[in-house]
């Protein structure tokens, strides 16, 4: 186990993921706490394990990119955030509206909404100016955390 994998394992150790992989559920937990970098790391571990041929390769990549876009917003890098929102949306478009226990159309819509807020904000960072944090619903069948 690599150092990063050990860190990820420790981050998700206490989760009860129900029928889902702990790293997948860990993405939702971290993301909804505003821990976007950690959300990226947790899911990247699962994404890399599955390889390019995996059924969820593009789906996981889109979730990682979505978290990455918010990392950029936290750091005030609006242009890179917009680029990652667009990449995430392109990856989500390859999957059905319900995938891996979630309403993927809602997740894609969240990306479009925040990208639009950045693009229409005349250089104002909506994550900072609004005080809002995005929230993504947990997958079906996941016990309450």
Protein backbone atom coordinates (compact mmCIF):
# COMPACT_ATOMS: atom_id res chain seq x y z
CA UNK A 1 0.00 0.00 0.00
CA UNK A 2 1.44 3.38 -0.99
CA UNK A 3 1.65 6.28 1.46
CA UNK A 4 -1.21 7.99 -0.31
CA UNK A 5 -3.34 4.83 -0.25
CA UNK A 6 -2.68 4.47 3.49
CA UNK A 7 -3.76 8.10 4.02
CA UNK A 8 -6.95 7.49 2.01
CA UNK A 9 -7.66 4.29 3.95
CA UNK A 10 -7.37 6.22 7.21
CA UNK A 11 -9.68 8.97 5.92
CA UNK A 12 -12.49 6.53 5.11
CA UNK A 13 -11.92 3.93 7.83
CA UNK A 14 -14.89 4.95 9.98
CA UNK A 15 -17.45 5.19 7.19
CA UNK A 16 -20.34 2.79 6.81
CA UNK A 17 -20.74 2.85 3.03
CA UNK A 18 -23.59 0.39 2.75
CA UNK A 19 -23.27 -1.33 -0.62
CA UNK A 20 -20.67 1.16 -1.92
CA UNK A 21 -16.89 1.31 -1.82
CA UNK A 22 -15.72 3.41 1.12
CA UNK A 23 -13.63 5.60 -1.18
CA UNK A 24 -16.67 6.41 -3.33
CA UNK A 25 -18.73 7.36 -0.27
CA UNK A 26 -15.69 9.20 1.10
CA UNK A 27 -15.85 11.52 -1.90
CA UNK A 28 -19.37 12.62 -0.88
CA UNK A 29 -18.45 13.04 2.78
CA UNK A 30 -15.38 15.16 2.00
CA UNK A 31 -17.05 17.13 -0.79
CA UNK A 32 -20.06 18.06 1.34
CA UNK A 33 -17.74 19.25 4.11
CA UNK A 34 -15.93 21.55 1.68
CA UNK A 35 -12.85 19.32 1.78
CA UNK A 36 -12.45 19.29 -1.98
CA UNK A 37 -8.78 18.33 -2.09
CA UNK A 38 -9.47 15.38 0.19
CA UNK A 39 -12.50 14.39 -1.92
CA UNK A 40 -10.20 14.39 -4.94
CA UNK A 41 -7.63 12.19 -3.18
CA UNK A 42 -10.14 9.69 -1.83
CA UNK A 43 -11.76 9.02 -5.18
CA UNK A 44 -8.52 9.20 -7.16
CA UNK A 45 -7.36 6.13 -5.23
CA UNK A 46 -10.40 4.15 -6.44
CA UNK A 47 -10.21 5.63 -9.96
CA UNK A 48 -6.56 4.59 -10.41
CA UNK A 49 -7.28 1.12 -9.07
CA UNK A 50 -10.02 0.60 -11.68
CA UNK A 51 -7.82 1.54 -14.64
CA UNK A 52 -8.81 3.09 -17.94
CA UNK A 53 -10.98 0.18 -18.99
CA UNK A 54 -13.20 0.30 -15.94
CA UNK A 55 -16.93 0.93 -16.23
CA UNK A 56 -16.72 3.99 -13.98
CA UNK A 57 -13.44 5.44 -15.25
CA UNK A 58 -14.97 8.58 -16.83
CA UNK A 59 -17.59 8.90 -14.09
CA UNK A 60 -15.00 8.90 -11.30
CA UNK A 61 -12.80 11.19 -13.35
CA UNK A 62 -15.70 13.65 -13.63
CA UNK A 63 -16.26 13.62 -9.85
CA UNK A 64 -12.52 14.14 -9.30
CA UNK A 65 -12.56 17.05 -11.76
CA UNK A 66 -15.60 18.56 -10.05
CA UNK A 67 -13.82 18.46 -6.68
CA UNK A 68 -10.71 19.86 -8.36
CA UNK A 69 -12.70 22.77 -9.75
CA UNK A 70 -13.71 23.70 -6.22
CA UNK A 71 -10.10 23.37 -5.04
CA UNK A 72 -9.25 25.99 -7.66
CA UNK A 73 -12.09 28.22 -6.46
CA UNK A 74 -10.81 27.92 -2.89
CA UNK A 75 -7.45 29.13 -4.16
CA UNK A 76 -8.97 31.94 -6.24
CA UNK A 77 -8.01 30.41 -9.60
CA UNK A 78 -11.16 31.04 -11.62
CA UNK A 79 -9.89 30.08 -15.09
CA UNK A 80 -8.65 26.62 -14.09
CA UNK A 81 -11.89 26.07 -12.15
CA UNK A 82 -13.96 26.77 -15.28
CA UNK A 83 -11.77 24.39 -17.31
CA UNK A 84 -12.29 21.58 -14.79
CA UNK A 85 -16.04 22.20 -14.58
CA UNK A 86 -16.18 21.79 -18.37
CA UNK A 87 -14.12 18.58 -18.29
CA UNK A 88 -16.33 17.15 -15.54
CA UNK A 89 -19.47 17.97 -17.50
CA UNK A 90 -18.07 16.23 -20.59
CA UNK A 91 -17.31 13.11 -18.55
CA UNK A 92 -20.76 13.09 -16.93
CA UNK A 93 -22.44 13.38 -20.35
CA UNK A 94 -21.22 9.87 -21.22
CA UNK A 95 -23.29 8.26 -18.47
CA UNK A 96 -27.03 7.84 -17.85
CA UNK A 97 -28.83 10.44 -15.73
CA UNK A 98 -28.90 7.92 -12.85
CA UNK A 99 -25.59 6.22 -12.33
CA UNK A 100 -23.86 4.56 -9.38
CA UNK A 101 -26.77 5.32 -7.09
CA UNK A 102 -26.94 9.07 -7.73
CA UNK A 103 -28.84 11.54 -9.83
CA UNK A 104 -25.97 12.35 -12.16
CA UNK A 105 -28.04 14.96 -13.98
CA UNK A 106 -28.21 16.90 -10.68
CA UNK A 107 -24.44 16.63 -10.22
CA UNK A 108 -23.86 17.79 -13.80
CA UNK A 109 -26.34 20.60 -13.19
CA UNK A 110 -24.40 21.66 -10.11
CA UNK A 111 -21.26 21.87 -12.24
CA UNK A 112 -23.01 23.93 -14.91
CA UNK A 113 -24.50 26.23 -12.27
CA UNK A 114 -21.17 26.96 -10.57
CA UNK A 115 -19.31 27.29 -13.87
CA UNK A 116 -21.90 29.81 -15.03
CA UNK A 117 -21.59 31.71 -11.76
CA UNK A 118 -17.84 31.97 -12.30
CA UNK A 119 -18.17 32.93 -15.96
CA UNK A 120 -20.89 35.52 -15.30
CA UNK A 121 -19.31 36.89 -12.13
CA UNK A 122 -16.98 39.46 -13.70
CA UNK A 123 -13.98 38.07 -11.87
CA UNK A 124 -15.78 37.55 -8.55
CA UNK A 125 -15.29 34.15 -6.94
CA UNK A 126 -18.80 32.82 -6.13
CA UNK A 127 -17.47 30.39 -3.53
CA UNK A 128 -16.12 33.33 -1.55
CA UNK A 129 -18.72 36.01 -2.36
CA UNK A 130 -21.82 33.89 -1.73
CA UNK A 131 -20.66 32.00 1.33
CA UNK A 132 -22.48 28.98 -0.14
CA UNK A 133 -21.09 25.48 -0.30
CA UNK A 134 -22.26 23.01 -2.92
CA UNK A 135 -23.83 19.78 -1.70
CA UNK A 136 -24.16 16.50 -3.57
CA UNK A 137 -26.67 13.89 -2.40
CA UNK A 138 -25.25 10.61 -1.16
CA UNK A 139 -25.69 7.42 -3.20
CA UNK A 140 -28.83 5.35 -2.71
CA UNK A 141 -28.57 2.80 0.07
CA UNK A 142 -25.90 4.62 2.02
CA UNK A 143 -26.61 4.75 5.74
CA UNK A 144 -26.89 8.18 7.33
CA UNK A 145 -23.53 9.53 8.42
